[in-house]
Amino acid sequence: MARACDRCGRILGESAVRYVVVISITADVPAELEIDQAMEDVEAEIERLLERLGDISAEEAEAQVHQRMVYLLCPDCREAFAGDPIGKGVGFPSLVQ
């Protein structure tokens, strides 16, 4: 089945070389609670986390913890992605001062 490259839109036939890029973004959470912590400590930590989430939807909260994206790329777009996967060369503001 012919499909389009998700980056440039080029139509890729069934026999065309194409690449699947899977991106998984996972929150870097603090160390897990100790198994032997008192239940009230666990409940307090859950309350703190819920307060930090505020009034966001369950879907938004889930996206902040884990997000998975899948893209189909043509060879040219795969090369561009592999050469600069986090977009440093396309004008993103510098995070390092």
N, C-alpha and C. Protein backbone atom coordinates (compact mmCIF):
# COMPACT_ATOMS: atom_id res chain seq x y z
N MET A 1 0.84 -1.18 0.00
CA MET A 1 0.00 0.00 0.00
C MET A 1 0.89 1.25 0.00
N ALA A 2 0.59 2.17 -0.86
CA ALA A 2 1.35 3.42 -0.93
C ALA A 2 0.97 4.30 0.25
N ARG A 3 1.99 4.92 0.83
CA ARG A 3 1.77 5.84 1.95
C ARG A 3 2.66 7.06 1.73
N ALA A 4 2.34 8.14 2.39
CA ALA A 4 3.11 9.37 2.25
C ALA A 4 4.10 9.50 3.41
N CYS A 5 5.24 10.08 3.10
CA CYS A 5 6.22 10.42 4.14
C CYS A 5 5.57 11.44 5.06
N ASP A 6 5.67 11.21 6.35
CA ASP A 6 5.06 12.12 7.32
C ASP A 6 5.77 13.46 7.41
N ARG A 7 6.97 13.57 6.88
CA ARG A 7 7.72 14.83 6.96
C ARG A 7 7.54 15.68 5.70
N CYS A 8 7.74 15.08 4.52
CA CYS A 8 7.71 15.87 3.29
C CYS A 8 6.49 15.61 2.42
N GLY A 9 5.76 14.53 2.70
CA GLY A 9 4.57 14.24 1.93
C GLY A 9 4.79 13.40 0.69
N ARG A 10 6.04 13.05 0.39
CA ARG A 10 6.34 12.23 -0.79
C ARG A 10 5.59 10.91 -0.70
N ILE A 11 4.95 10.51 -1.81
CA ILE A 11 4.24 9.23 -1.85
C ILE A 11 5.27 8.10 -1.98
N LEU A 12 5.15 7.12 -1.10
CA LEU A 12 6.07 5.98 -1.08
C LEU A 12 5.29 4.73 -1.46
N GLY A 13 5.63 4.16 -2.61
CA GLY A 13 4.95 2.94 -3.06
C GLY A 13 5.30 1.75 -2.18
N GLU A 14 4.64 0.64 -2.46
CA GLU A 14 4.86 -0.57 -1.64
C GLU A 14 6.31 -1.03 -1.68
N SER A 15 6.97 -0.88 -2.81
CA SER A 15 8.35 -1.37 -2.92
C SER A 15 9.38 -0.31 -2.56
N ALA A 16 8.92 0.89 -2.23
CA ALA A 16 9.85 1.98 -1.90
C ALA A 16 10.52 1.73 -0.56
N VAL A 17 11.75 2.20 -0.46
CA VAL A 17 12.45 2.15 0.82
C VAL A 17 11.81 3.19 1.72
N ARG A 18 11.44 2.79 2.91
CA ARG A 18 10.83 3.71 3.87
C ARG A 18 11.23 3.30 5.28
N TYR A 19 11.12 4.23 6.19
CA TYR A 19 11.58 4.01 7.55
C TYR A 19 10.49 4.40 8.54
N VAL A 20 10.41 3.63 9.61
CA VAL A 20 9.48 3.93 10.69
C VAL A 20 10.31 4.49 11.85
N VAL A 21 9.95 5.67 12.29
CA VAL A 21 10.62 6.30 13.43
C VAL A 21 9.63 6.28 14.59
N VAL A 22 10.05 5.70 15.71
CA VAL A 22 9.22 5.65 16.91
C VAL A 22 9.91 6.51 17.96
N ILE A 23 9.17 7.49 18.46
CA ILE A 23 9.70 8.38 19.49
C ILE A 23 8.90 8.15 20.76
N SER A 24 9.59 7.89 21.83
CA SER A 24 8.96 7.68 23.13
C SER A 24 9.49 8.72 24.10
N ILE A 25 8.60 9.54 24.62
CA ILE A 25 8.98 10.58 25.59
C ILE A 25 8.41 10.17 26.94
N THR A 26 9.30 10.01 27.92
CA THR A 26 8.88 9.56 29.24
C THR A 26 9.42 10.53 30.29
N ALA A 27 8.56 10.90 31.22
CA ALA A 27 8.97 11.81 32.29
C ALA A 27 10.08 11.17 33.12
N ASP A 28 11.04 11.97 33.50
CA ASP A 28 12.12 11.52 34.37
C ASP A 28 11.66 11.80 35.80
N VAL A 29 10.97 10.83 36.36
CA VAL A 29 10.39 11.01 37.69
C VAL A 29 11.42 10.79 38.78
N PRO A 30 11.20 11.39 39.95
CA PRO A 30 12.13 11.18 41.06
C PRO A 30 12.17 9.70 41.45
N ALA A 31 13.14 9.37 42.23
CA ALA A 31 13.29 7.98 42.68
C ALA A 31 11.97 7.45 43.22
N GLU A 32 11.75 6.18 42.98
CA GLU A 32 10.51 5.55 43.44
C GLU A 32 10.42 5.57 44.97
N LEU A 33 9.20 5.55 45.44
CA LEU A 33 8.99 5.49 46.88
C LEU A 33 9.53 4.18 47.41
N GLU A 34 10.12 4.23 48.54
CA GLU A 34 10.63 3.01 49.18
C GLU A 34 9.46 2.10 49.56
N ILE A 35 9.64 0.82 49.36
CA ILE A 35 8.58 -0.14 49.66
C ILE A 35 8.19 -0.09 51.13
N ASP A 36 9.15 0.15 52.00
CA ASP A 36 8.86 0.11 53.43
C ASP A 36 8.42 1.47 54.00
N GLN A 37 8.17 2.46 53.12
CA GLN A 37 7.68 3.74 53.62
C GLN A 37 6.30 3.57 54.22
N ALA A 38 6.03 4.36 55.20
CA ALA A 38 4.72 4.31 55.85
C ALA A 38 3.64 4.71 54.85
N MET A 39 2.47 4.12 54.97
CA MET A 39 1.37 4.39 54.05
C MET A 39 1.00 5.87 54.03
N GLU A 40 1.10 6.54 55.18
CA GLU A 40 0.76 7.96 55.19
C GLU A 40 1.76 8.77 54.36
N ASP A 41 3.02 8.34 54.30
CA ASP A 41 4.01 9.00 53.45
C ASP A 41 3.65 8.83 51.98
N VAL A 42 3.21 7.64 51.63
CA VAL A 42 2.82 7.36 50.25
C VAL A 42 1.61 8.21 49.88
N GLU A 43 0.62 8.25 50.76
CA GLU A 43 -0.58 9.04 50.49
C GLU A 43 -0.24 10.52 50.38
N ALA A 44 0.66 11.00 51.19
CA ALA A 44 1.06 12.41 51.14
C ALA A 44 1.76 12.70 49.80
N GLU A 45 2.59 11.80 49.35
CA GLU A 45 3.28 11.99 48.06
C GLU A 45 2.27 12.00 46.92
N ILE A 46 1.28 11.13 46.96
CA ILE A 46 0.24 11.12 45.93
C ILE A 46 -0.51 12.45 45.93
N GLU A 47 -0.82 12.97 47.10
CA GLU A 47 -1.50 14.26 47.20
C GLU A 47 -0.66 15.38 46.59
N ARG A 48 0.65 15.37 46.88
CA ARG A 48 1.54 16.40 46.31
C ARG A 48 1.56 16.31 44.78
N LEU A 49 1.61 15.10 44.25
CA LEU A 49 1.61 14.93 42.80
C LEU A 49 0.31 15.42 42.18
N LEU A 50 -0.80 15.10 42.81
CA LEU A 50 -2.10 15.55 42.30
C LEU A 50 -2.21 17.06 42.31
N GLU A 51 -1.68 17.71 43.35
CA GLU A 51 -1.69 19.17 43.42
C GLU A 51 -0.86 19.77 42.30
N ARG A 52 0.28 19.16 42.00
CA ARG A 52 1.14 19.66 40.92
C ARG A 52 0.46 19.54 39.56
N LEU A 53 -0.38 18.52 39.39
CA LEU A 53 -1.08 18.35 38.12
C LEU A 53 -2.19 19.37 37.94
N GLY A 54 -2.75 19.85 39.04
CA GLY A 54 -3.78 20.87 38.96
C GLY A 54 -5.04 20.36 38.31
N ASP A 55 -5.61 21.20 37.46
CA ASP A 55 -6.91 20.90 36.86
C ASP A 55 -6.78 20.41 35.41
N ILE A 56 -5.77 19.65 35.09
CA ILE A 56 -5.63 19.17 33.72
C ILE A 56 -6.40 17.86 33.54
N SER A 57 -6.71 17.56 32.31
CA SER A 57 -7.47 16.34 32.00
C SER A 57 -6.58 15.11 32.18
N ALA A 58 -7.23 13.96 32.25
CA ALA A 58 -6.48 12.70 32.38
C ALA A 58 -5.58 12.48 31.16
N GLU A 59 -6.06 12.85 29.98
CA GLU A 59 -5.26 12.68 28.76
C GLU A 59 -4.02 13.57 28.79
N GLU A 60 -4.20 14.81 29.24
CA GLU A 60 -3.07 15.73 29.33
C GLU A 60 -2.06 15.26 30.37
N ALA A 61 -2.56 14.76 31.49
CA ALA A 61 -1.67 14.24 32.53
C ALA A 61 -0.88 13.05 32.00
N GLU A 62 -1.55 12.17 31.27
CA GLU A 62 -0.87 11.00 30.71
C GLU A 62 0.20 11.43 29.71
N ALA A 63 -0.11 12.45 28.88
CA ALA A 63 0.86 12.94 27.90
C ALA A 63 2.08 13.55 28.57
N GLN A 64 1.90 14.11 29.77
CA GLN A 64 3.04 14.68 30.49
C GLN A 64 3.94 13.59 31.06
N VAL A 65 3.40 12.40 31.26
CA VAL A 65 4.17 11.30 31.82
C VAL A 65 4.78 10.44 30.72
N HIS A 66 3.98 10.15 29.69
CA HIS A 66 4.50 9.32 28.59
C HIS A 66 3.76 9.66 27.31
N GLN A 67 4.53 9.80 26.25
CA GLN A 67 3.97 10.07 24.93
C GLN A 67 4.74 9.26 23.91
N ARG A 68 4.03 8.64 22.97
CA ARG A 68 4.65 7.83 21.92
C ARG A 68 4.17 8.34 20.57
N MET A 69 5.12 8.56 19.67
CA MET A 69 4.80 9.04 18.33
C MET A 69 5.45 8.12 17.31
N VAL A 70 4.76 7.87 16.21
CA VAL A 70 5.28 7.00 15.16
C VAL A 70 5.17 7.75 13.83
N TYR A 71 6.27 7.79 13.08
CA TYR A 71 6.32 8.48 11.81
C TYR A 71 6.89 7.58 10.74
N LEU A 72 6.39 7.73 9.52
CA LEU A 72 6.92 7.03 8.35
C LEU A 72 7.73 8.05 7.56
N LEU A 73 8.99 7.73 7.27
CA LEU A 73 9.87 8.66 6.57
C LEU A 73 10.42 8.06 5.29
N CYS A 74 10.61 8.92 4.28
CA CYS A 74 11.31 8.53 3.06
C CYS A 74 12.82 8.54 3.37
N PRO A 75 13.65 8.01 2.48
CA PRO A 75 15.10 7.99 2.75
C PRO A 75 15.71 9.37 3.01
N ASP A 76 15.31 10.39 2.24
CA ASP A 76 15.87 11.73 2.44
C ASP A 76 15.50 12.30 3.81
N CYS A 77 14.25 12.12 4.20
CA CYS A 77 13.81 12.64 5.51
C CYS A 77 14.41 11.83 6.65
N ARG A 78 14.62 10.55 6.43
CA ARG A 78 15.29 9.72 7.45
C ARG A 78 16.71 10.22 7.67
N GLU A 79 17.39 10.55 6.57
CA GLU A 79 18.76 11.06 6.68
C GLU A 79 18.78 12.39 7.41
N ALA A 80 17.85 13.27 7.09
CA ALA A 80 17.77 14.57 7.77
C ALA A 80 17.46 14.39 9.25
N PHE A 81 16.53 13.49 9.57
CA PHE A 81 16.18 13.24 10.96
C PHE A 81 17.36 12.64 11.73
N ALA A 82 18.00 11.64 11.14
CA ALA A 82 19.12 10.97 11.81
C ALA A 82 20.29 11.93 12.03
N GLY A 83 20.46 12.89 11.14
CA GLY A 83 21.55 13.85 11.27
C GLY A 83 21.31 14.91 12.32
N ASP A 84 20.04 15.16 12.67
CA ASP A 84 19.71 16.20 13.64
C ASP A 84 18.38 15.85 14.32
N PRO A 85 18.36 14.76 15.10
CA PRO A 85 17.08 14.26 15.64
C PRO A 85 16.37 15.19 16.61
N ILE A 86 17.08 16.09 17.26
CA ILE A 86 16.39 16.99 18.20
C ILE A 86 16.34 18.42 17.69
N GLY A 87 16.62 18.61 16.42
CA GLY A 87 16.42 19.90 15.80
C GLY A 87 17.36 21.00 16.21
N LYS A 88 18.58 20.67 16.58
CA LYS A 88 19.51 21.73 16.99
C LYS A 88 19.86 22.68 15.86
N GLY A 89 19.82 22.20 14.65
CA GLY A 89 20.22 23.03 13.52
C GLY A 89 19.11 23.79 12.85
N VAL A 90 17.91 23.82 13.43
CA VAL A 90 16.80 24.48 12.75
C VAL A 90 16.23 25.66 13.53
N GLY A 91 17.06 26.31 14.30
CA GLY A 91 16.63 27.54 14.94
C GLY A 91 15.93 27.39 16.28
N PHE A 92 16.05 26.26 16.93
CA PHE A 92 15.48 26.14 18.26
C PHE A 92 16.27 27.03 19.20
N PRO A 93 15.60 27.68 20.13
CA PRO A 93 16.34 28.52 21.09
C PRO A 93 17.30 27.68 21.92
N SER A 94 18.44 28.22 22.16
CA SER A 94 19.44 27.52 22.95
C SER A 94 18.98 27.41 24.41
N LEU A 95 19.13 26.21 24.97
CA LEU A 95 18.78 26.02 26.36
C LEU A 95 19.99 26.22 27.26
N VAL A 96 21.16 26.33 26.64
CA VAL A 96 22.39 26.51 27.40
C VAL A 96 22.82 27.96 27.27
N GLN A 97 23.04 28.61 28.38
CA GLN A 97 23.44 30.03 28.37
C GLN A 97 24.94 30.14 28.38
